Amino acid sequence: MEIMLKWLLGNYIELLGAILGFAYVFFSIRQNILTWPVGLLTSALYIWVFFDSKLYADMGLQMYYVAISIYGWYEWLRGKSTSSDSHEALKISRITMHLGLVLALSSFVIFMLMWYILKNYTDSPVPFADSLATALSIVATWMLARKILEHWLVWIFVDAFSIALFWYKGLYPTVILFVVYTLMAFVGFIEWKKELAVISKKWEVGSWKWEVKEIRNKK
C-alpha cells in the first residue's frame, strides 16, 4: 500500500493527464465543444510529463495541441459560413484526394524535420518513433478541428504505435491510456461514419425536395 501511494504521489501529473485524456476522446466522439478546453488542459499537463521523460518531440506536440485546441474551439463555435453570410454548425466531412495528398506531404516534411532535429540535437533515445508519432498527430488533430472523418484512422495507427513507445519509456499509465485511445478511436470512426451517413441522406432528401419545388415553380 505504501509503495503504491508513493508511486501515485510521484506520478500524479501523468495520472491526471490520463484521466483528462479519456474525457478528451469521449467528448471528441460526441462532437462536444468541451473537447477543446479539456484537450488544452491535458496538453498543458503532458508538456511536463514528456519533458521529464526526454520525449522532446512529444513535448513539442503538446505545445502544438495547446494552440490547435484554441483553433478547434474557435472553429467549432464559429461553424461553417453559408451563402447567406450566416454560420451553421461544422459538420462531419470526408477527406478529398487533393487534401489527402497535401496532408500526406505535410506529414512527411514534419517527420523528416523532427527526425533530423531529434537525432542530431537532442538526447532522445527513439528519434524515429518519436518523430513519426509527432508528425501524424499534428495532422490528425488539425483534421479533428475540421471534423474530417478519416482523422480517426490516423489516430488508430498513431495510438497503437505509441503504445510500444511509451512502454519502452516506462510511462505505464500512459500505455493504458493509449490502449483505451486505440479502442475509442475505432468507436469514434464508427460513430462519425454513422452520422455522416445520416447527414448525406438528409442532404439527398433536401436536394430532391428543392428540385421538386423548382419544377413546380416553373409550371
N, C-alpha and C. Protein backbone atom coordinates (compact mmCIF):
# COMPACT_ATOMS: atom_id res chain seq x y z
N MET A 1 0.83 -1.21 0.00
CA MET A 1 0.00 0.00 0.00
C MET A 1 0.86 1.26 0.00
N GLU A 2 1.90 1.23 0.83
CA GLU A 2 2.80 2.37 0.92
C GLU A 2 3.54 2.60 -0.39
N ILE A 3 3.94 1.48 -1.04
CA ILE A 3 4.65 1.58 -2.32
C ILE A 3 3.73 2.18 -3.38
N MET A 4 2.48 1.73 -3.39
CA MET A 4 1.51 2.24 -4.36
C MET A 4 1.24 3.72 -4.14
N LEU A 5 1.12 4.11 -2.88
CA LEU A 5 0.87 5.51 -2.55
C LEU A 5 2.05 6.39 -2.99
N LYS A 6 3.25 5.89 -2.76
CA LYS A 6 4.44 6.63 -3.17
C LYS A 6 4.49 6.78 -4.69
N TRP A 7 4.11 5.71 -5.38
CA TRP A 7 4.10 5.76 -6.86
C TRP A 7 3.06 6.75 -7.36
N LEU A 8 1.88 6.75 -6.72
CA LEU A 8 0.82 7.67 -7.12
C LEU A 8 1.24 9.12 -6.91
N LEU A 9 1.89 9.38 -5.77
CA LEU A 9 2.35 10.74 -5.47
C LEU A 9 3.42 11.19 -6.45
N GLY A 10 4.23 10.22 -6.92
CA GLY A 10 5.30 10.56 -7.85
C GLY A 10 4.84 10.68 -9.29
N ASN A 11 3.63 10.20 -9.57
CA ASN A 11 3.15 10.20 -10.97
C ASN A 11 1.75 10.83 -11.09
N TYR A 12 1.41 11.70 -10.16
CA TYR A 12 0.05 12.24 -10.16
C TYR A 12 -0.24 13.10 -11.39
N ILE A 13 0.77 13.80 -11.91
CA ILE A 13 0.55 14.63 -13.09
C ILE A 13 0.21 13.75 -14.30
N GLU A 14 0.97 12.66 -14.47
CA GLU A 14 0.70 11.73 -15.58
C GLU A 14 -0.68 11.10 -15.43
N LEU A 15 -1.05 10.73 -14.20
CA LEU A 15 -2.35 10.11 -13.96
C LEU A 15 -3.50 11.08 -14.24
N LEU A 16 -3.34 12.32 -13.82
CA LEU A 16 -4.36 13.33 -14.09
C LEU A 16 -4.48 13.58 -15.58
N GLY A 17 -3.33 13.61 -16.27
CA GLY A 17 -3.34 13.79 -17.72
C GLY A 17 -4.05 12.64 -18.41
N ALA A 18 -3.85 11.42 -17.88
CA ALA A 18 -4.51 10.24 -18.47
C ALA A 18 -6.02 10.31 -18.30
N ILE A 19 -6.47 10.72 -17.12
CA ILE A 19 -7.91 10.84 -16.86
C ILE A 19 -8.53 11.89 -17.77
N LEU A 20 -7.88 13.04 -17.89
CA LEU A 20 -8.38 14.08 -18.77
C LEU A 20 -8.33 13.64 -20.24
N GLY A 21 -7.33 12.80 -20.56
CA GLY A 21 -7.23 12.28 -21.92
C GLY A 21 -8.42 11.42 -22.30
N PHE A 22 -8.88 10.60 -21.36
CA PHE A 22 -10.09 9.80 -21.60
C PHE A 22 -11.28 10.72 -21.89
N ALA A 23 -11.40 11.76 -21.09
CA ALA A 23 -12.51 12.70 -21.27
C ALA A 23 -12.42 13.40 -22.62
N TYR A 24 -11.20 13.74 -23.02
CA TYR A 24 -10.97 14.43 -24.30
C TYR A 24 -11.47 13.58 -25.48
N VAL A 25 -11.10 12.31 -25.50
CA VAL A 25 -11.51 11.44 -26.61
C VAL A 25 -13.02 11.21 -26.56
N PHE A 26 -13.58 11.04 -25.36
CA PHE A 26 -15.02 10.84 -25.23
C PHE A 26 -15.78 12.04 -25.80
N PHE A 27 -15.35 13.25 -25.43
CA PHE A 27 -16.02 14.46 -25.93
C PHE A 27 -15.85 14.61 -27.44
N SER A 28 -14.69 14.21 -27.97
CA SER A 28 -14.48 14.33 -29.42
C SER A 28 -15.37 13.35 -30.18
N ILE A 29 -15.58 12.16 -29.63
CA ILE A 29 -16.51 11.20 -30.26
C ILE A 29 -17.91 11.79 -30.29
N ARG A 30 -18.31 12.46 -29.21
CA ARG A 30 -19.64 13.06 -29.11
C ARG A 30 -19.73 14.40 -29.82
N GLN A 31 -18.61 14.89 -30.35
CA GLN A 31 -18.53 16.20 -31.01
C GLN A 31 -18.97 17.32 -30.06
N ASN A 32 -18.59 17.17 -28.81
CA ASN A 32 -18.93 18.14 -27.78
C ASN A 32 -17.85 19.22 -27.73
N ILE A 33 -18.25 20.48 -27.58
CA ILE A 33 -17.32 21.59 -27.56
C ILE A 33 -16.31 21.49 -26.41
N LEU A 34 -16.67 20.72 -25.36
CA LEU A 34 -15.75 20.53 -24.23
C LEU A 34 -14.48 19.78 -24.65
N THR A 35 -14.50 19.18 -25.85
CA THR A 35 -13.30 18.54 -26.39
C THR A 35 -12.09 19.45 -26.26
N TRP A 36 -12.27 20.71 -26.62
CA TRP A 36 -11.12 21.61 -26.75
C TRP A 36 -10.59 22.16 -25.44
N PRO A 37 -11.44 22.65 -24.51
CA PRO A 37 -10.86 23.08 -23.22
C PRO A 37 -10.23 21.93 -22.44
N VAL A 38 -10.85 20.73 -22.51
CA VAL A 38 -10.27 19.56 -21.84
C VAL A 38 -8.95 19.19 -22.51
N GLY A 39 -8.91 19.22 -23.84
CA GLY A 39 -7.68 18.91 -24.56
C GLY A 39 -6.57 19.90 -24.25
N LEU A 40 -6.93 21.16 -24.09
CA LEU A 40 -5.93 22.19 -23.77
C LEU A 40 -5.29 21.91 -22.41
N LEU A 41 -6.13 21.60 -21.41
CA LEU A 41 -5.61 21.31 -20.07
C LEU A 41 -4.77 20.04 -20.06
N THR A 42 -5.23 19.01 -20.80
CA THR A 42 -4.48 17.76 -20.89
C THR A 42 -3.09 18.00 -21.48
N SER A 43 -3.04 18.80 -22.54
CA SER A 43 -1.77 19.07 -23.20
C SER A 43 -0.81 19.83 -22.30
N ALA A 44 -1.35 20.76 -21.53
CA ALA A 44 -0.51 21.53 -20.61
C ALA A 44 0.16 20.61 -19.58
N LEU A 45 -0.58 19.61 -19.10
CA LEU A 45 -0.01 18.66 -18.14
C LEU A 45 1.05 17.77 -18.80
N TYR A 46 0.78 17.32 -20.03
CA TYR A 46 1.70 16.41 -20.69
C TYR A 46 2.98 17.09 -21.18
N ILE A 47 2.98 18.39 -21.28
CA ILE A 47 4.22 19.10 -21.62
C ILE A 47 5.28 18.75 -20.57
N TRP A 48 4.88 18.76 -19.31
CA TRP A 48 5.82 18.43 -18.23
C TRP A 48 6.17 16.94 -18.23
N VAL A 49 5.17 16.06 -18.43
CA VAL A 49 5.41 14.62 -18.43
C VAL A 49 6.43 14.24 -19.48
N PHE A 50 6.28 14.73 -20.69
CA PHE A 50 7.18 14.35 -21.78
C PHE A 50 8.55 15.03 -21.66
N PHE A 51 8.59 16.22 -21.09
CA PHE A 51 9.88 16.87 -20.86
C PHE A 51 10.69 16.07 -19.85
N ASP A 52 10.02 15.61 -18.81
CA ASP A 52 10.69 14.83 -17.77
C ASP A 52 11.16 13.48 -18.29
N SER A 53 10.47 12.94 -19.32
CA SER A 53 10.83 11.63 -19.90
C SER A 53 11.75 11.76 -21.12
N LYS A 54 12.15 12.99 -21.46
CA LYS A 54 13.03 13.27 -22.59
C LYS A 54 12.40 12.89 -23.94
N LEU A 55 11.08 12.93 -24.01
CA LEU A 55 10.38 12.74 -25.29
C LEU A 55 10.08 14.13 -25.84
N TYR A 56 11.12 14.75 -26.42
CA TYR A 56 11.03 16.16 -26.78
C TYR A 56 10.06 16.45 -27.91
N ALA A 57 10.00 15.53 -28.88
CA ALA A 57 9.05 15.75 -29.98
C ALA A 57 7.62 15.72 -29.46
N ASP A 58 7.35 14.78 -28.53
CA ASP A 58 6.01 14.71 -27.95
C ASP A 58 5.73 15.94 -27.09
N MET A 59 6.76 16.48 -26.44
CA MET A 59 6.58 17.70 -25.67
C MET A 59 6.22 18.85 -26.60
N GLY A 60 6.93 18.93 -27.74
CA GLY A 60 6.62 19.96 -28.73
C GLY A 60 5.22 19.77 -29.29
N LEU A 61 4.82 18.51 -29.46
CA LEU A 61 3.48 18.21 -29.96
C LEU A 61 2.42 18.74 -29.00
N GLN A 62 2.65 18.60 -27.70
CA GLN A 62 1.69 19.10 -26.72
C GLN A 62 1.57 20.62 -26.78
N MET A 63 2.68 21.31 -27.08
CA MET A 63 2.62 22.76 -27.26
C MET A 63 1.75 23.09 -28.47
N TYR A 64 1.91 22.29 -29.52
CA TYR A 64 1.07 22.46 -30.71
C TYR A 64 -0.40 22.20 -30.35
N TYR A 65 -0.64 21.17 -29.52
CA TYR A 65 -2.01 20.84 -29.10
C TYR A 65 -2.67 22.02 -28.38
N VAL A 66 -1.89 22.73 -27.58
CA VAL A 66 -2.44 23.89 -26.88
C VAL A 66 -2.96 24.90 -27.90
N ALA A 67 -2.14 25.15 -28.94
CA ALA A 67 -2.52 26.11 -29.98
C ALA A 67 -3.70 25.60 -30.81
N ILE A 68 -3.65 24.31 -31.21
CA ILE A 68 -4.72 23.76 -32.06
C ILE A 68 -6.01 23.63 -31.27
N SER A 69 -5.93 23.48 -29.95
CA SER A 69 -7.14 23.42 -29.13
C SER A 69 -7.87 24.76 -29.17
N ILE A 70 -7.11 25.83 -29.15
CA ILE A 70 -7.71 27.16 -29.26
C ILE A 70 -8.35 27.33 -30.64
N TYR A 71 -7.63 26.87 -31.68
CA TYR A 71 -8.15 26.95 -33.05
C TYR A 71 -9.41 26.09 -33.22
N GLY A 72 -9.37 24.84 -32.74
CA GLY A 72 -10.52 23.96 -32.85
C GLY A 72 -11.71 24.49 -32.08
N TRP A 73 -11.46 25.03 -30.90
CA TRP A 73 -12.51 25.63 -30.08
C TRP A 73 -13.22 26.73 -30.87
N TYR A 74 -12.41 27.58 -31.51
CA TYR A 74 -12.96 28.68 -32.31
C TYR A 74 -13.74 28.17 -33.51
N GLU A 75 -13.18 27.18 -34.22
CA GLU A 75 -13.82 26.66 -35.43
C GLU A 75 -15.15 25.99 -35.11
N TRP A 76 -15.19 25.20 -34.04
CA TRP A 76 -16.44 24.50 -33.69
C TRP A 76 -17.50 25.48 -33.20
N LEU A 77 -17.09 26.57 -32.54
CA LEU A 77 -18.04 27.58 -32.10
C LEU A 77 -18.53 28.42 -33.26
N ARG A 78 -17.60 28.78 -34.15
CA ARG A 78 -17.95 29.64 -35.30
C ARG A 78 -18.78 28.91 -36.33
N GLY A 79 -18.46 27.63 -36.56
CA GLY A 79 -19.19 26.85 -37.56
C GLY A 79 -18.73 27.16 -38.97
N LYS A 80 -19.56 26.80 -39.93
CA LYS A 80 -19.24 26.95 -41.35
C LYS A 80 -20.06 28.09 -41.96
N SER A 81 -19.39 28.93 -42.75
CA SER A 81 -20.07 30.04 -43.40
C SER A 81 -21.01 29.52 -44.48
N THR A 82 -22.16 30.17 -44.61
CA THR A 82 -23.11 29.80 -45.65
C THR A 82 -23.21 30.93 -46.67
N SER A 83 -23.95 30.68 -47.73
CA SER A 83 -24.07 31.67 -48.80
C SER A 83 -24.81 32.92 -48.35
N SER A 84 -25.57 32.83 -47.28
CA SER A 84 -26.34 33.98 -46.79
C SER A 84 -25.58 34.76 -45.72
N ASP A 85 -24.26 34.60 -45.67
CA ASP A 85 -23.39 35.30 -44.72
C ASP A 85 -23.70 34.94 -43.26
N SER A 86 -24.33 33.82 -43.05
CA SER A 86 -24.57 33.34 -41.69
C SER A 86 -23.67 32.12 -41.45
N HIS A 87 -23.80 31.50 -40.29
CA HIS A 87 -22.97 30.34 -39.96
C HIS A 87 -23.84 29.18 -39.49
N GLU A 88 -23.44 27.99 -39.85
CA GLU A 88 -24.10 26.79 -39.38
C GLU A 88 -23.07 25.89 -38.71
N ALA A 89 -23.54 24.95 -37.91
CA ALA A 89 -22.62 24.06 -37.18
C ALA A 89 -21.71 23.32 -38.16
N LEU A 90 -20.45 23.19 -37.77
CA LEU A 90 -19.49 22.47 -38.59
C LEU A 90 -19.87 20.99 -38.62
N LYS A 91 -20.02 20.44 -39.83
CA LYS A 91 -20.47 19.05 -39.97
C LYS A 91 -19.31 18.13 -40.35
N ILE A 92 -19.49 16.85 -40.09
CA ILE A 92 -18.50 15.84 -40.46
C ILE A 92 -18.39 15.78 -41.98
N SER A 93 -17.17 15.63 -42.48
CA SER A 93 -16.94 15.53 -43.92
C SER A 93 -15.89 14.46 -44.21
N ARG A 94 -15.80 14.07 -45.47
CA ARG A 94 -14.78 13.12 -45.91
C ARG A 94 -13.60 13.88 -46.49
N ILE A 95 -12.44 13.28 -46.42
CA ILE A 95 -11.25 13.90 -46.97
C ILE A 95 -11.27 13.80 -48.49
N THR A 96 -10.80 14.83 -49.17
CA THR A 96 -10.71 14.80 -50.63
C THR A 96 -9.34 14.28 -51.05
N MET A 97 -9.23 13.89 -52.32
CA MET A 97 -7.95 13.39 -52.82
C MET A 97 -6.87 14.46 -52.73
N HIS A 98 -7.22 15.68 -53.10
CA HIS A 98 -6.24 16.78 -53.07
C HIS A 98 -5.76 17.06 -51.66
N LEU A 99 -6.72 17.16 -50.71
CA LEU A 99 -6.34 17.43 -49.32
C LEU A 99 -5.54 16.28 -48.74
N GLY A 100 -5.90 15.04 -49.11
CA GLY A 100 -5.16 13.88 -48.64
C GLY A 100 -3.71 13.91 -49.05
N LEU A 101 -3.45 14.32 -50.30
CA LEU A 101 -2.07 14.43 -50.80
C LEU A 101 -1.31 15.54 -50.07
N VAL A 102 -1.99 16.66 -49.85
CA VAL A 102 -1.36 17.78 -49.14
C VAL A 102 -0.99 17.37 -47.71
N LEU A 103 -1.90 16.68 -47.03
CA LEU A 103 -1.65 16.26 -45.65
C LEU A 103 -0.57 15.18 -45.57
N ALA A 104 -0.54 14.28 -46.56
CA ALA A 104 0.49 13.25 -46.59
C ALA A 104 1.87 13.89 -46.77
N LEU A 105 1.95 14.86 -47.68
CA LEU A 105 3.22 15.56 -47.90
C LEU A 105 3.62 16.36 -46.66
N SER A 106 2.66 17.00 -46.03
CA SER A 106 2.93 17.77 -44.81
C SER A 106 3.46 16.85 -43.71
N SER A 107 2.85 15.68 -43.57
CA SER A 107 3.29 14.71 -42.56
C SER A 107 4.73 14.29 -42.80
N PHE A 108 5.07 14.04 -44.07
CA PHE A 108 6.42 13.60 -44.41
C PHE A 108 7.45 14.70 -44.10
N VAL A 109 7.12 15.93 -44.47
CA VAL A 109 8.04 17.05 -44.23
C VAL A 109 8.25 17.26 -42.74
N ILE A 110 7.16 17.24 -41.96
CA ILE A 110 7.27 17.41 -40.50
C ILE A 110 8.09 16.28 -39.89
N PHE A 111 7.82 15.04 -40.36
CA PHE A 111 8.55 13.88 -39.85
C PHE A 111 10.05 14.01 -40.10
N MET A 112 10.44 14.35 -41.32
CA MET A 112 11.86 14.46 -41.66
C MET A 112 12.53 15.58 -40.85
N LEU A 113 11.83 16.69 -40.69
CA LEU A 113 12.39 17.81 -39.93
C LEU A 113 12.58 17.43 -38.46
N MET A 114 11.54 16.79 -37.87
CA MET A 114 11.62 16.39 -36.47
C MET A 114 12.70 15.33 -36.26
N TRP A 115 12.80 14.37 -37.18
CA TRP A 115 13.80 13.31 -37.08
C TRP A 115 15.20 13.88 -37.11
N TYR A 116 15.43 14.82 -38.02
CA TYR A 116 16.76 15.44 -38.13
C TYR A 116 17.12 16.17 -36.84
N ILE A 117 16.18 16.94 -36.31
CA ILE A 117 16.44 17.72 -35.09
C ILE A 117 16.69 16.81 -33.89
N LEU A 118 15.82 15.81 -33.71
CA LEU A 118 15.96 14.93 -32.56
C LEU A 118 17.21 14.07 -32.63
N LYS A 119 17.54 13.62 -33.84
CA LYS A 119 18.70 12.74 -34.00
C LYS A 119 20.01 13.48 -33.78
N ASN A 120 20.06 14.75 -34.18
CA ASN A 120 21.32 15.48 -34.17
C ASN A 120 21.48 16.48 -33.03
N TYR A 121 20.37 16.89 -32.42
CA TYR A 121 20.47 17.97 -31.45
C TYR A 121 19.85 17.65 -30.09
N THR A 122 19.37 16.43 -29.89
CA THR A 122 18.81 16.07 -28.58
C THR A 122 19.34 14.70 -28.16
N ASP A 123 19.02 14.32 -26.93
CA ASP A 123 19.42 13.00 -26.43
C ASP A 123 18.25 12.02 -26.45
N SER A 124 17.27 12.27 -27.33
CA SER A 124 16.12 11.38 -27.44
C SER A 124 16.58 9.97 -27.82
N PRO A 125 16.18 8.93 -27.07
CA PRO A 125 16.59 7.56 -27.38
C PRO A 125 15.82 6.94 -28.54
N VAL A 126 14.71 7.56 -28.93
CA VAL A 126 13.88 7.00 -30.01
C VAL A 126 13.47 8.11 -31.00
N PRO A 127 14.42 8.71 -31.69
CA PRO A 127 14.09 9.84 -32.57
C PRO A 127 13.15 9.49 -33.72
N PHE A 128 13.32 8.29 -34.31
CA PHE A 128 12.47 7.90 -35.44
C PHE A 128 11.01 7.74 -35.00
N ALA A 129 10.78 6.93 -33.97
CA ALA A 129 9.43 6.67 -33.49
C ALA A 129 8.77 7.93 -32.95
N ASP A 130 9.54 8.72 -32.22
CA ASP A 130 9.03 9.95 -31.63
C ASP A 130 8.59 10.91 -32.73
N SER A 131 9.40 11.03 -33.78
CA SER A 131 9.11 11.95 -34.87
C SER A 131 7.91 11.50 -35.70
N LEU A 132 7.81 10.20 -35.94
CA LEU A 132 6.69 9.67 -36.72
C LEU A 132 5.36 9.90 -36.01
N ALA A 133 5.32 9.59 -34.72
CA ALA A 133 4.09 9.80 -33.95
C ALA A 133 3.72 11.28 -33.90
N THR A 134 4.73 12.12 -33.78
CA THR A 134 4.50 13.56 -33.70
C THR A 134 3.92 14.10 -35.00
N ALA A 135 4.53 13.75 -36.12
CA ALA A 135 4.10 14.26 -37.42
C ALA A 135 2.65 13.87 -37.72
N LEU A 136 2.33 12.61 -37.50
CA LEU A 136 0.97 12.14 -37.79
C LEU A 136 -0.05 12.74 -36.82
N SER A 137 0.35 12.94 -35.58
CA SER A 137 -0.56 13.50 -34.58
C SER A 137 -0.89 14.96 -34.90
N ILE A 138 0.09 15.70 -35.39
CA ILE A 138 -0.13 17.10 -35.76
C ILE A 138 -1.20 17.19 -36.85
N VAL A 139 -1.07 16.34 -37.86
CA VAL A 139 -2.01 16.34 -38.97
C VAL A 139 -3.40 15.86 -38.51
N ALA A 140 -3.43 14.80 -37.69
CA ALA A 140 -4.71 14.24 -37.24
C ALA A 140 -5.49 15.24 -36.40
N THR A 141 -4.81 16.02 -35.57
CA THR A 141 -5.51 16.98 -34.72
C THR A 141 -6.09 18.12 -35.53
N TRP A 142 -5.36 18.54 -36.57
CA TRP A 142 -5.91 19.56 -37.47
C TRP A 142 -7.16 19.03 -38.17
N MET A 143 -7.13 17.76 -38.58
CA MET A 143 -8.28 17.14 -39.23
C MET A 143 -9.47 17.07 -38.28
N LEU A 144 -9.22 16.82 -36.98
CA LEU A 144 -10.28 16.82 -35.99
C LEU A 144 -10.91 18.20 -35.89
N ALA A 145 -10.08 19.24 -35.88
CA ALA A 145 -10.59 20.60 -35.79
C ALA A 145 -11.50 20.93 -36.96
N ARG A 146 -11.27 20.29 -38.12
CA ARG A 146 -12.11 20.50 -39.30
C ARG A 146 -13.20 19.42 -39.43
N LYS A 147 -13.30 18.51 -38.44
CA LYS A 147 -14.28 17.41 -38.43
C LYS A 147 -14.20 16.53 -39.68
N ILE A 148 -12.99 16.13 -40.02
CA ILE A 148 -12.78 15.22 -41.15
C ILE A 148 -12.77 13.79 -40.63
N LEU A 149 -13.65 12.96 -41.14
CA LEU A 149 -13.87 11.60 -40.65
C LEU A 149 -12.58 10.80 -40.52
N GLU A 150 -11.74 10.87 -41.55
CA GLU A 150 -10.56 9.99 -41.62
C GLU A 150 -9.50 10.29 -40.57
N HIS A 151 -9.68 11.35 -39.78
CA HIS A 151 -8.70 11.62 -38.73
C HIS A 151 -8.68 10.47 -37.73
N TRP A 152 -9.82 9.77 -37.57
CA TRP A 152 -9.86 8.63 -36.66
C TRP A 152 -8.95 7.50 -37.12
N LEU A 153 -8.85 7.29 -38.43
CA LEU A 153 -7.97 6.24 -38.95
C LEU A 153 -6.51 6.55 -38.65
N VAL A 154 -6.16 7.83 -38.75
CA VAL A 154 -4.79 8.24 -38.41
C VAL A 154 -4.52 7.99 -36.94
N TRP A 155 -5.52 8.32 -36.10
CA TRP A 155 -5.34 8.13 -34.65
C TRP A 155 -5.23 6.67 -34.28
N ILE A 156 -5.96 5.80 -34.97
CA ILE A 156 -5.86 4.37 -34.67
C ILE A 156 -4.42 3.90 -34.85
N PHE A 157 -3.79 4.32 -35.94
CA PHE A 157 -2.40 3.93 -36.19
C PHE A 157 -1.46 4.56 -35.17
N VAL A 158 -1.61 5.87 -34.95
CA VAL A 158 -0.72 6.58 -34.04
C VAL A 158 -0.83 6.04 -32.61
N ASP A 159 -2.04 5.82 -32.14
CA ASP A 159 -2.24 5.34 -30.77
C ASP A 159 -1.66 3.94 -30.58
N ALA A 160 -1.90 3.06 -31.56
CA ALA A 160 -1.35 1.69 -31.46
C ALA A 160 0.18 1.72 -31.50
N PHE A 161 0.73 2.56 -32.35
CA PHE A 161 2.17 2.70 -32.47
C PHE A 161 2.77 3.27 -31.18
N SER A 162 2.06 4.22 -30.57
CA SER A 162 2.57 4.89 -29.38
C SER A 162 2.58 3.99 -28.15
N ILE A 163 1.75 2.95 -28.15
CA ILE A 163 1.73 2.02 -27.01
C ILE A 163 3.12 1.44 -26.78
N ALA A 164 3.75 0.98 -27.85
CA ALA A 164 5.10 0.40 -27.74
C ALA A 164 6.12 1.45 -27.31
N LEU A 165 5.96 2.67 -27.83
CA LEU A 165 6.90 3.75 -27.49
C LEU A 165 6.84 4.10 -26.00
N PHE A 166 5.65 4.24 -25.46
CA PHE A 166 5.51 4.62 -24.06
C PHE A 166 5.84 3.46 -23.11
N TRP A 167 5.61 2.24 -23.57
CA TRP A 167 6.02 1.08 -22.77
C TRP A 167 7.53 1.07 -22.63
N TYR A 168 8.22 1.35 -23.71
CA TYR A 168 9.69 1.40 -23.71
C TYR A 168 10.19 2.46 -22.74
N LYS A 169 9.45 3.58 -22.65
CA LYS A 169 9.87 4.67 -21.77
C LYS A 169 9.39 4.49 -20.33
N GLY A 170 8.61 3.44 -20.07
CA GLY A 170 8.15 3.18 -18.70
C GLY A 170 7.00 4.06 -18.25
N LEU A 171 6.28 4.67 -19.20
CA LEU A 171 5.13 5.50 -18.86
C LEU A 171 3.86 4.63 -18.86
N TYR A 172 3.75 3.78 -17.84
CA TYR A 172 2.71 2.74 -17.86
C TYR A 172 1.28 3.26 -17.79
N PRO A 173 0.98 4.29 -16.98
CA PRO A 173 -0.39 4.84 -17.04
C PRO A 173 -0.73 5.37 -18.43
N THR A 174 0.29 5.94 -19.11
CA THR A 174 0.07 6.45 -20.47
C THR A 174 -0.12 5.30 -21.46
N VAL A 175 0.55 4.16 -21.21
CA VAL A 175 0.34 2.97 -22.04
C VAL A 175 -1.13 2.54 -21.96
N ILE A 176 -1.67 2.49 -20.74
CA ILE A 176 -3.07 2.12 -20.55
C ILE A 176 -3.97 3.13 -21.26
N LEU A 177 -3.61 4.41 -21.12
CA LEU A 177 -4.37 5.47 -21.78
C LEU A 177 -4.43 5.25 -23.29
N PHE A 178 -3.30 4.89 -23.88
CA PHE A 178 -3.25 4.75 -25.34
C PHE A 178 -3.88 3.46 -25.83
N VAL A 179 -3.94 2.44 -24.98
CA VAL A 179 -4.70 1.24 -25.32
C VAL A 179 -6.18 1.61 -25.44
N VAL A 180 -6.65 2.38 -24.46
CA VAL A 180 -8.04 2.83 -24.49
C VAL A 180 -8.26 3.79 -25.65
N TYR A 181 -7.28 4.69 -25.90
CA TYR A 181 -7.35 5.61 -27.03
C TYR A 181 -7.58 4.85 -28.34
N THR A 182 -6.82 3.75 -28.51
CA THR A 182 -6.93 2.97 -29.74
C THR A 182 -8.33 2.41 -29.91
N LEU A 183 -8.86 1.85 -28.83
CA LEU A 183 -10.22 1.29 -28.88
C LEU A 183 -11.26 2.39 -29.11
N MET A 184 -11.07 3.52 -28.43
CA MET A 184 -12.01 4.63 -28.58
C MET A 184 -11.94 5.24 -29.98
N ALA A 185 -10.77 5.19 -30.60
CA ALA A 185 -10.63 5.70 -31.97
C ALA A 185 -11.46 4.85 -32.94
N PHE A 186 -11.47 3.53 -32.70
CA PHE A 186 -12.33 2.65 -33.50
C PHE A 186 -13.79 3.05 -33.33
N VAL A 187 -14.19 3.25 -32.07
CA VAL A 187 -15.57 3.65 -31.78
C VAL A 187 -15.88 5.00 -32.43
N GLY A 188 -14.96 5.93 -32.31
CA GLY A 188 -15.15 7.26 -32.90
C GLY A 188 -15.35 7.20 -34.40
N PHE A 189 -14.55 6.38 -35.07
CA PHE A 189 -14.68 6.24 -36.52
C PHE A 189 -16.05 5.70 -36.90
N ILE A 190 -16.50 4.68 -36.18
CA ILE A 190 -17.80 4.06 -36.46
C ILE A 190 -18.94 5.05 -36.22
N GLU A 191 -18.87 5.78 -35.08
CA GLU A 191 -19.93 6.72 -34.73
C GLU A 191 -19.99 7.89 -35.71
N TRP A 192 -18.83 8.44 -36.08
CA TRP A 192 -18.81 9.55 -37.02
C TRP A 192 -19.27 9.11 -38.41
N LYS A 193 -18.90 7.88 -38.79
CA LYS A 193 -19.32 7.37 -40.09
C LYS A 193 -20.83 7.21 -40.15
N LYS A 194 -21.43 6.76 -39.04
CA LYS A 194 -22.88 6.64 -38.98
C LYS A 194 -23.54 8.01 -39.13
N GLU A 195 -23.01 9.00 -38.42
CA GLU A 195 -23.61 10.34 -38.50
C GLU A 195 -23.43 10.94 -39.89
N LEU A 196 -22.29 10.67 -40.51
CA LEU A 196 -22.06 11.18 -41.86
C LEU A 196 -23.08 10.60 -42.83
N ALA A 197 -23.41 9.33 -42.64
CA ALA A 197 -24.42 8.68 -43.49
C ALA A 197 -25.77 9.35 -43.32
N VAL A 198 -26.12 9.71 -42.07
CA VAL A 198 -27.38 10.41 -41.80
C VAL A 198 -27.38 11.78 -42.46
N ILE A 199 -26.24 12.50 -42.34
CA ILE A 199 -26.12 13.83 -42.95
C ILE A 199 -26.28 13.75 -44.46
N SER A 200 -25.62 12.75 -45.07
CA SER A 200 -25.68 12.58 -46.52
C SER A 200 -27.11 12.28 -46.96
N LYS A 201 -27.83 11.46 -46.18
CA LYS A 201 -29.21 11.12 -46.52
C LYS A 201 -30.10 12.34 -46.44
N LYS A 202 -29.90 13.15 -45.39
CA LYS A 202 -30.70 14.38 -45.25
C LYS A 202 -30.42 15.33 -46.40
N TRP A 203 -29.16 15.40 -46.82
CA TRP A 203 -28.80 16.29 -47.92
C TRP A 203 -29.44 15.84 -49.21
N GLU A 204 -29.47 14.52 -49.45
CA GLU A 204 -30.09 13.98 -50.65
C GLU A 204 -31.59 14.25 -50.66
N VAL A 205 -32.24 14.07 -49.50
CA VAL A 205 -33.67 14.34 -49.40
C VAL A 205 -33.95 15.82 -49.61
N GLY A 206 -33.10 16.66 -49.00
CA GLY A 206 -33.27 18.10 -49.16
C GLY A 206 -33.09 18.54 -50.60
N SER A 207 -32.11 17.96 -51.28
CA SER A 207 -31.86 18.30 -52.69
C SER A 207 -33.04 17.88 -53.55
N TRP A 208 -33.58 16.70 -53.25
CA TRP A 208 -34.73 16.19 -54.01
C TRP A 208 -35.94 17.10 -53.84
N LYS A 209 -36.20 17.53 -52.60
CA LYS A 209 -37.33 18.42 -52.34
C LYS A 209 -37.13 19.75 -53.05
N TRP A 210 -35.88 20.24 -53.08
CA TRP A 210 -35.61 21.52 -53.73
C TRP A 210 -35.85 21.42 -55.23
N GLU A 211 -35.44 20.28 -55.83
CA GLU A 211 -35.65 20.07 -57.25
C GLU A 211 -37.14 19.99 -57.59
N VAL A 212 -37.91 19.29 -56.75
CA VAL A 212 -39.35 19.19 -56.96
C VAL A 212 -40.00 20.57 -56.88
N LYS A 213 -39.55 21.36 -55.90
CA LYS A 213 -40.08 22.71 -55.73
C LYS A 213 -39.77 23.57 -56.94
N GLU A 214 -38.56 23.45 -57.49
CA GLU A 214 -38.18 24.22 -58.67
C GLU A 214 -39.03 23.85 -59.87
N ILE A 215 -39.29 22.54 -60.03
CA ILE A 215 -40.11 22.06 -61.15
C ILE A 215 -41.52 22.64 -61.04
N ARG A 216 -42.08 22.62 -59.83
CA ARG A 216 -43.42 23.14 -59.61
C ARG A 216 -43.49 24.63 -59.88
N ASN A 217 -42.46 25.37 -59.47
CA ASN A 217 -42.44 26.80 -59.70
C ASN A 217 -42.40 27.14 -61.18
N LYS A 218 -41.69 26.30 -61.95
CA LYS A 218 -41.59 26.53 -63.39
C LYS A 218 -42.93 26.30 -64.07
N LYS A 219 -43.73 25.37 -63.51
CA LYS A 219 -45.06 25.12 -64.07
C LYS A 219 -46.01 26.27 -63.77
